[in-house]
Amino acid sequence: MATRRSAVPWQPIPLDGIELMTGEEFQLWIAELFSRAGYVISFAKLRQPATYHLAATRGGERALICVAHRLLPVGSDFVYRLIWARDEVHGSNRLIAVAPAGFKANARALARKGPVELWAIQELRSFVAG
């Protein structure tokens, strides 16, 4: 796993402006949010093609975070990749799927079995508010 930082200084971007970010900018923004909440962040490149996840640790908590920057709700394939990656990355005890546009019904059903926390825009607002 590698750690990388954005060359752009942190700015508290309003949540209703995240659609203006690129996918990489959004992933770095999520990483910074967790870092500011006391997590140590690393970026994990997985065997899946072009799939990156954030590994966040704080105390005994090991969270694996999958970030989707899409304008439409994501489906079960997105949640499945996160569940599948749990052991590959570092045996996470918390799985978080972040998709501001929300999740399709099949993704919500799979997440309940996972268990995976689904963070759409409402959950991001709560996390930012602290």
Foldseek 3Di string as FASTA:
>chain_A
DAADADPDDDDPDDLVPLLVDDQVVVVNNVVVLLVVVPWDWGWDDDPPPPFIWIWTDDVPATEIEGEDNDQAADEQVSVVVQLVCCVVPPVGPAYEYEYQNHHDPRNVVVCVVSVHHYHHSVNVVVSNVD
